[in-house]
Amino acid sequence: MSQQENQTMASSSAASVTPAQQYVQDSADMPAASGPKSHQAFENLIERARQLPGKVSIGIVWPCEQHALEGAMDAAQQNILEPVLIGPRALITDVAQSGGIDLGGATIVDVATSQEAAARAVALVKSGQVHALMKGSLHTDVLMHAVVSPESGLRTARRVSHVFLLAVPAYDDLIFVTDAAINIFPDLTIKRDIVQNAIDLHRGLGLGEPRVALLSAVETVNPKIPGTVDAAALCKMAERGQIEGGVLDGPLAMDNAVSAEAAKIKGITSPVAGRAQILVTPDLEAGNMLAKNMIFLAGADSAGVVLGASVPVLLTSRADSVQARLASIAVGALYARHLHPESAPAA
């Protein structure tokens, strides 16, 4: 497999893209919805992260603007993470002083450029000094290029994908939407990894076996709509043990996935219909629009994490609320400890 084929943003229909085009949807630049919101599910995750034995070491890559530095240090003060600040020491110190941010005893790894910061962050993961990464004020492309590098990155056998965790006021469960930020036109093999990544996250956060809806425009298999064929194939893959840990159904239209009444009217009977917890969209455009609709029209709180690398990678935004930022960091800390339980201090 060529390096281009290994790029996270590669499409099954696009053979080559420039580095600047690899991450055309920067989820970290997605603004948060306006207005204060809260959801008990996120509060529970944040509280559980506070109660972890020992702080989880998270590398904050290029925290050279106030929002990036403030979020990390706020989480550190709440015992959610042990920050390792990776960037130019003088600039980080200046940002802290101008913003009234207490750096406490935070470790600073002094590097001159954002590219060096991303490379050093990957090296710190490999040496076991940090167990998750968090995007600071560098561009997502720079960080992810280092993470997915075939030669020196943090790739695993699994495809890298992104999950939005959404707390929608009118819905009982947290909703995972995937993939809305990385894989543009995933083929069946990539979709298998996208689904498995999301299932592993759900279980790793202690949320149990998830109900997974494979979304399309209709709930019947139609060869003219490729997503319906992929959804049916994914269900069969789950039956054969190629996808583990979740209950899958699809294709399902959005209403049938989240509305028990809509599923009943359509005569759909399944453990997933009407109560899905993971929504798998057919492509990035559909996923991105779905996530934004939930945030802006349904008043959802959101958190986001990149999965499939050896550690979770958090893509927070400068527009995130304090609640959303803390939730993302809590998700990263909890899942990092799940992936690397050996990082917990000895009792």
Protein backbone atom coordinates (compact mmCIF):
# COMPACT_ATOMS: atom_id res chain seq x y z
CA MET A 1 0.00 0.00 0.00
CA SER A 2 1.40 3.43 -0.96
CA GLN A 3 1.81 6.33 1.44
CA GLN A 4 -1.02 8.17 -0.33
CA GLU A 5 -3.35 5.24 0.22
CA ASN A 6 -2.44 5.36 3.89
CA GLN A 7 -3.43 8.99 4.29
CA THR A 8 -6.33 9.39 6.68
CA MET A 9 -8.30 11.69 4.45
CA ALA A 10 -7.93 9.59 1.30
CA SER A 11 -11.13 8.87 -0.56
CA SER A 12 -11.83 5.63 -2.34
CA SER A 13 -12.60 7.72 -5.39
CA ALA A 14 -9.79 10.28 -5.13
CA ALA A 15 -6.35 8.93 -5.82
CA SER A 16 -4.29 12.00 -4.91
CA VAL A 17 -4.64 15.10 -2.81
CA THR A 18 -2.23 17.77 -1.69
CA PRO A 19 -1.20 17.94 1.98
CA ALA A 20 -3.34 21.06 2.43
CA GLN A 21 -6.36 19.17 1.13
CA GLN A 22 -5.96 16.07 3.28
CA TYR A 23 -8.14 17.36 6.11
CA VAL A 24 -10.66 19.47 4.23
CA GLN A 25 -13.06 19.47 7.19
CA ASP A 26 -11.17 20.66 10.25
CA SER A 27 -13.49 19.54 13.03
CA ALA A 28 -11.48 21.61 15.47
CA ASP A 29 -12.62 24.75 13.66
CA MET A 30 -16.29 23.85 13.97
CA PRO A 31 -17.80 26.54 16.21
CA ALA A 32 -19.81 25.51 19.22
CA ALA A 33 -23.47 26.36 19.42
CA SER A 34 -24.24 29.56 21.29
CA GLY A 35 -25.85 29.65 24.68
CA PRO A 36 -25.16 27.74 27.92
CA LYS A 37 -26.14 24.06 27.87
CA SER A 38 -25.47 21.10 30.08
CA HIS A 39 -26.11 17.39 29.90
CA GLN A 40 -25.85 14.94 32.75
CA ALA A 41 -24.12 12.38 30.55
CA PHE A 42 -21.20 14.73 29.98
CA GLU A 43 -21.16 15.72 33.64
CA ASN A 44 -20.87 12.04 34.51
CA LEU A 45 -17.91 11.58 32.18
CA ILE A 46 -16.16 14.64 33.58
CA GLU A 47 -16.71 13.46 37.15
CA ARG A 48 -15.44 9.97 36.34
CA ALA A 49 -12.31 11.48 34.79
CA ARG A 50 -11.74 13.48 37.97
CA GLN A 51 -11.93 10.26 39.98
CA LEU A 52 -9.32 8.37 37.95
CA PRO A 53 -6.38 7.19 40.07
CA GLY A 54 -3.65 9.61 39.11
CA LYS A 55 -3.85 12.20 36.38
CA VAL A 56 -3.57 11.03 32.77
CA SER A 57 -0.60 12.59 31.00
CA ILE A 58 -1.80 14.40 27.87
CA GLY A 59 0.44 16.20 25.40
CA ILE A 60 -0.94 19.62 24.48
CA VAL A 61 0.50 20.29 21.05
CA TRP A 62 1.35 23.95 20.38
CA PRO A 63 -0.73 25.67 23.10
CA CYS A 64 0.24 29.12 21.85
CA GLU A 65 -3.11 30.88 22.11
CA GLN A 66 -5.13 31.58 25.23
CA HIS A 67 -8.02 29.22 24.44
CA ALA A 68 -5.71 26.24 23.96
CA LEU A 69 -3.63 26.87 27.05
CA GLU A 70 -6.54 27.88 29.28
CA GLY A 71 -8.53 24.75 28.50
CA ALA A 72 -5.66 22.43 29.33
CA MET A 73 -4.75 24.19 32.57
CA ASP A 74 -8.39 24.38 33.67
CA ALA A 75 -8.67 20.62 33.22
CA ALA A 76 -5.40 20.15 35.11
CA GLN A 77 -6.74 22.15 38.05
CA GLN A 78 -9.76 19.84 38.08
CA ASN A 79 -7.50 16.78 38.25
CA ILE A 80 -8.53 15.56 34.79
CA LEU A 81 -5.09 15.56 33.17
CA GLU A 82 -1.39 16.07 33.68
CA PRO A 83 -0.47 18.56 30.94
CA VAL A 84 2.72 18.32 28.93
CA LEU A 85 2.92 21.57 26.97
CA ILE A 86 4.75 21.15 23.67
CA GLY A 87 5.81 24.40 22.00
CA PRO A 88 8.09 27.43 22.38
CA ARG A 89 8.62 28.01 26.10
CA ALA A 90 8.87 31.80 25.84
CA LEU A 91 5.62 32.13 23.84
CA ILE A 92 3.72 29.74 26.11
CA THR A 93 4.89 31.69 29.15
CA ASP A 94 3.89 35.00 27.54
CA VAL A 95 0.42 33.68 26.69
CA ALA A 96 -0.01 32.47 30.26
CA GLN A 97 1.07 35.79 31.74
CA SER A 98 -1.11 37.89 29.44
CA GLY A 99 -4.13 35.66 30.06
CA GLY A 100 -3.65 35.30 33.79
CA ILE A 101 -3.22 31.53 33.44
CA ASP A 102 -1.40 29.67 36.19
CA LEU A 103 0.97 27.13 34.66
CA GLY A 104 1.66 25.58 38.04
CA GLY A 105 4.24 22.84 37.66
CA ALA A 106 3.30 21.93 34.10
CA THR A 107 6.05 20.36 32.03
CA ILE A 108 7.05 22.43 28.98
CA VAL A 109 8.81 20.74 26.06
CA ASP A 110 10.53 23.60 24.26
CA VAL A 111 10.36 23.37 20.44
CA ALA A 112 10.48 26.12 17.84
CA THR A 113 7.86 25.21 15.21
CA SER A 114 4.46 23.57 15.07
CA GLN A 115 5.87 20.79 12.88
CA GLU A 116 8.51 20.07 15.51
CA ALA A 117 5.83 20.14 18.19
CA ALA A 118 3.75 17.53 16.36
CA ALA A 119 6.79 15.30 15.81
CA ARG A 120 7.87 15.62 19.44
CA ALA A 121 4.34 14.83 20.62
CA VAL A 122 4.40 11.56 18.66
CA ALA A 123 7.83 10.74 20.11
CA LEU A 124 6.55 11.36 23.65
CA VAL A 125 3.71 8.92 23.03
CA LYS A 126 6.11 6.28 21.76
CA SER A 127 8.33 6.69 24.81
CA GLY A 128 5.34 6.28 27.11
CA GLN A 129 5.56 9.78 28.58
CA VAL A 130 2.10 10.87 27.38
CA HIS A 131 -0.99 8.75 26.81
CA ALA A 132 -3.16 11.07 24.70
CA LEU A 133 -2.69 14.12 22.51
CA MET A 134 -4.68 17.33 22.34
CA LYS A 135 -4.57 19.86 19.53
CA GLY A 136 -3.53 23.32 20.61
CA SER A 137 -3.46 26.28 18.21
CA LEU A 138 -1.71 24.58 15.30
CA HIS A 139 -3.66 23.42 12.26
CA THR A 140 -5.17 19.95 12.45
CA ASP A 141 -3.35 18.98 9.24
CA VAL A 142 0.04 19.48 10.89
CA LEU A 143 -0.80 17.35 13.91
CA MET A 144 -2.52 14.57 11.98
CA HIS A 145 0.29 14.37 9.41
CA ALA A 146 2.63 13.41 12.25
CA VAL A 147 0.10 11.04 13.82
CA VAL A 148 -0.65 9.06 10.64
CA SER A 149 2.85 9.03 9.16
CA PRO A 150 3.52 5.45 7.97
CA GLU A 151 7.18 5.72 8.94
CA SER A 152 7.12 7.50 12.31
CA GLY A 153 3.51 8.01 13.35
CA LEU A 154 1.06 6.32 15.69
CA ARG A 155 -0.80 4.18 13.18
CA THR A 156 -2.26 0.84 14.14
CA ALA A 157 -3.87 -1.84 12.00
CA ARG A 158 -7.11 0.15 12.31
CA ARG A 159 -8.12 3.05 10.06
CA VAL A 160 -8.11 6.43 11.79
CA SER A 161 -11.58 7.98 12.21
CA HIS A 162 -13.38 10.69 14.15
CA VAL A 163 -16.33 10.48 16.53
CA PHE A 164 -18.51 13.34 17.70
CA LEU A 165 -20.15 12.67 21.07
CA LEU A 166 -23.36 14.68 21.18
CA ALA A 167 -25.60 15.30 24.17
CA VAL A 168 -28.98 16.17 22.67
CA PRO A 169 -31.49 17.53 25.23
CA ALA A 170 -34.43 15.62 23.76
CA TYR A 171 -32.63 12.24 23.62
CA ASP A 172 -31.92 9.90 26.52
CA ASP A 173 -28.51 8.59 25.43
CA LEU A 174 -25.32 10.20 24.26
CA ILE A 175 -25.26 10.00 20.47
CA PHE A 176 -22.02 9.16 18.67
CA VAL A 177 -21.84 10.45 15.07
CA THR A 178 -19.11 9.02 12.86
CA ASP A 179 -17.30 9.81 10.63
CA ALA A 180 -17.89 13.54 10.26
CA ALA A 181 -14.35 14.85 9.98
CA ILE A 182 -11.74 12.53 8.48
CA ASN A 183 -12.78 9.87 5.93
CA ILE A 184 -14.46 11.51 2.94
CA PHE A 185 -15.87 8.60 0.93
CA PRO A 186 -15.09 5.48 2.99
CA ASP A 187 -15.37 2.11 1.29
CA LEU A 188 -16.71 -0.97 3.05
CA THR A 189 -13.36 -1.91 4.59
CA ILE A 190 -12.89 1.59 5.99
CA LYS A 191 -16.48 1.67 7.25
CA ARG A 192 -15.81 -1.53 9.16
CA ASP A 193 -12.98 0.24 11.03
CA ILE A 194 -15.09 3.37 11.56
CA VAL A 195 -17.81 1.25 13.17
CA GLN A 196 -15.38 -0.76 15.29
CA ASN A 197 -13.59 2.38 16.49
CA ALA A 198 -16.87 3.89 17.67
CA ILE A 199 -17.97 0.67 19.38
CA ASP A 200 -14.64 0.39 21.19
CA LEU A 201 -14.92 3.99 22.38
CA HIS A 202 -18.47 3.46 23.67
CA ARG A 203 -17.44 0.39 25.62
CA GLY A 204 -14.13 1.91 26.71
CA LEU A 205 -15.95 4.85 28.28
CA GLY A 206 -18.01 2.40 30.34
CA LEU A 207 -21.22 3.07 28.40
CA GLY A 208 -21.86 -0.59 27.62
CA GLU A 209 -22.65 -2.46 24.42
CA PRO A 210 -23.89 0.15 21.92
CA ARG A 211 -26.81 0.05 19.51
CA VAL A 212 -25.40 1.02 16.12
CA ALA A 213 -27.54 2.45 13.30
CA LEU A 214 -26.08 2.40 9.80
CA LEU A 215 -27.75 5.40 8.23
CA SER A 216 -29.01 6.00 4.73
CA ALA A 217 -31.94 7.84 3.13
CA VAL A 218 -34.11 4.72 3.25
CA GLU A 219 -34.47 1.61 5.38
CA THR A 220 -34.42 -0.93 2.54
CA VAL A 221 -31.51 -2.17 0.47
CA ASN A 222 -31.42 -0.40 -2.89
CA PRO A 223 -28.48 -1.10 -5.24
CA LYS A 224 -28.86 2.43 -6.62
CA ILE A 225 -27.98 3.80 -3.16
CA PRO A 226 -24.55 2.30 -2.35
CA GLY A 227 -24.80 3.21 1.32
CA THR A 228 -27.71 0.81 1.78
CA VAL A 229 -25.67 -2.06 0.34
CA ASP A 230 -22.72 -1.22 2.62
CA ALA A 231 -25.06 -1.06 5.62
CA ALA A 232 -26.43 -4.52 4.89
CA ALA A 233 -22.92 -5.88 4.40
CA LEU A 234 -21.76 -4.39 7.70
CA CYS A 235 -24.63 -6.09 9.51
CA LYS A 236 -23.61 -9.42 8.00
CA MET A 237 -19.98 -8.74 8.96
CA ALA A 238 -21.12 -8.25 12.54
CA GLU A 239 -22.99 -11.57 12.40
CA ARG A 240 -19.78 -13.24 11.24
CA GLY A 241 -17.65 -11.70 13.97
CA GLN A 242 -15.83 -9.21 11.74
CA ILE A 243 -17.29 -6.41 13.87
CA GLU A 244 -17.54 -7.07 17.59
CA GLY A 245 -19.03 -5.54 20.70
CA GLY A 246 -22.12 -3.79 19.34
CA VAL A 247 -25.61 -4.48 18.02
CA LEU A 248 -25.92 -3.33 14.39
CA ASP A 249 -28.91 -2.60 12.18
CA GLY A 250 -29.18 -0.96 8.81
CA PRO A 251 -29.86 0.54 6.52
CA LEU A 252 -31.98 2.83 8.68
CA ALA A 253 -33.23 6.28 7.81
CA MET A 254 -32.50 8.90 10.45
CA ASP A 255 -36.07 9.01 11.77
CA ASN A 256 -36.20 5.23 12.13
CA ALA A 257 -32.89 5.24 13.99
CA VAL A 258 -33.87 7.71 16.71
CA SER A 259 -37.68 7.73 16.83
CA ALA A 260 -39.49 4.68 18.17
CA GLU A 261 -42.74 6.05 16.75
CA ALA A 262 -41.27 6.43 13.25
CA ALA A 263 -39.86 2.90 13.40
CA LYS A 264 -43.24 1.56 14.50
CA ILE A 265 -45.06 3.31 11.65
CA LYS A 266 -42.62 1.79 9.17
CA GLY A 267 -43.03 -1.64 10.77
CA ILE A 268 -39.36 -1.88 11.72
CA THR A 269 -38.67 -4.14 14.68
CA SER A 270 -35.10 -4.32 15.93
CA PRO A 271 -33.13 -3.62 19.12
CA VAL A 272 -31.57 -0.58 17.40
CA ALA A 273 -34.46 1.18 15.63
CA GLY A 274 -35.77 4.15 17.60
CA ARG A 275 -33.01 4.04 20.21
CA ALA A 276 -29.66 4.12 18.42
CA GLN A 277 -26.58 5.24 20.31
CA ILE A 278 -24.08 5.28 17.42
CA LEU A 279 -25.05 6.84 14.10
CA VAL A 280 -22.78 5.77 11.23
CA THR A 281 -23.19 8.02 8.21
CA PRO A 282 -22.41 6.96 4.62
CA ASP A 283 -19.83 9.69 4.03
CA LEU A 284 -18.19 12.74 5.58
CA GLU A 285 -20.63 15.28 4.13
CA ALA A 286 -23.64 13.54 5.62
CA GLY A 287 -21.91 13.09 8.97
CA ASN A 288 -20.71 16.67 9.14
CA MET A 289 -24.13 18.10 8.33
CA LEU A 290 -25.81 15.77 10.83
CA ALA A 291 -23.44 16.77 13.64
CA LYS A 292 -23.81 20.50 12.91
CA ASN A 293 -27.59 20.21 12.75
CA MET A 294 -27.63 18.59 16.17
CA ILE A 295 -25.36 21.27 17.60
CA PHE A 296 -27.06 24.32 16.12
CA LEU A 297 -30.69 23.25 15.74
CA ALA A 298 -31.11 20.67 18.50
CA GLY A 299 -28.94 22.45 21.08
CA ALA A 300 -26.51 19.57 21.53
CA ASP A 301 -23.33 19.80 23.56
CA SER A 302 -20.44 18.18 21.73
CA ALA A 303 -17.08 16.56 22.29
CA GLY A 304 -14.82 15.00 19.69
CA VAL A 305 -12.00 12.49 19.50
CA VAL A 306 -9.88 10.87 16.79
CA LEU A 307 -9.59 7.09 17.15
CA GLY A 308 -7.59 4.34 15.50
CA ALA A 309 -4.15 5.64 16.49
CA SER A 310 -2.31 4.13 19.45
CA VAL A 311 -3.66 6.93 21.66
CA PRO A 312 -6.75 9.15 21.45
CA VAL A 313 -6.27 12.53 19.76
CA LEU A 314 -8.50 15.41 20.89
CA LEU A 315 -9.50 18.13 18.43
CA THR A 316 -10.95 20.96 20.49
CA SER A 317 -12.01 24.32 19.05
CA ARG A 318 -11.35 27.85 20.17
CA ALA A 319 -15.13 28.35 20.12
CA ASP A 320 -15.84 25.42 22.46
CA SER A 321 -17.62 26.18 25.70
CA VAL A 322 -15.90 25.30 28.96
CA GLN A 323 -18.29 22.35 29.27
CA ALA A 324 -17.48 21.04 25.78
CA ARG A 325 -13.74 21.46 26.29
CA LEU A 326 -13.80 19.65 29.62
CA ALA A 327 -15.97 16.90 28.15
CA SER A 328 -13.53 16.32 25.27
CA ILE A 329 -10.57 16.16 27.66
CA ALA A 330 -12.49 13.85 30.00
CA VAL A 331 -13.29 11.52 27.08
CA GLY A 332 -9.61 11.52 26.11
CA ALA A 333 -8.45 10.82 29.66
CA LEU A 334 -10.95 8.02 30.25
CA TYR A 335 -10.27 6.31 26.94
CA ALA A 336 -6.50 6.72 27.27
CA ARG A 337 -6.64 4.95 30.63
CA HIS A 338 -8.81 2.23 29.08
CA LEU A 339 -6.30 1.70 26.26
CA HIS A 340 -3.29 1.87 28.59
CA PRO A 341 -4.32 0.70 32.05
CA GLU A 342 -0.66 0.22 32.90
CA SER A 343 -0.35 4.02 33.04
CA ALA A 344 -2.37 4.11 36.26
CA PRO A 345 -0.29 4.54 39.43
CA ALA A 346 0.22 1.44 41.53
CA ALA A 347 -2.21 1.10 44.41
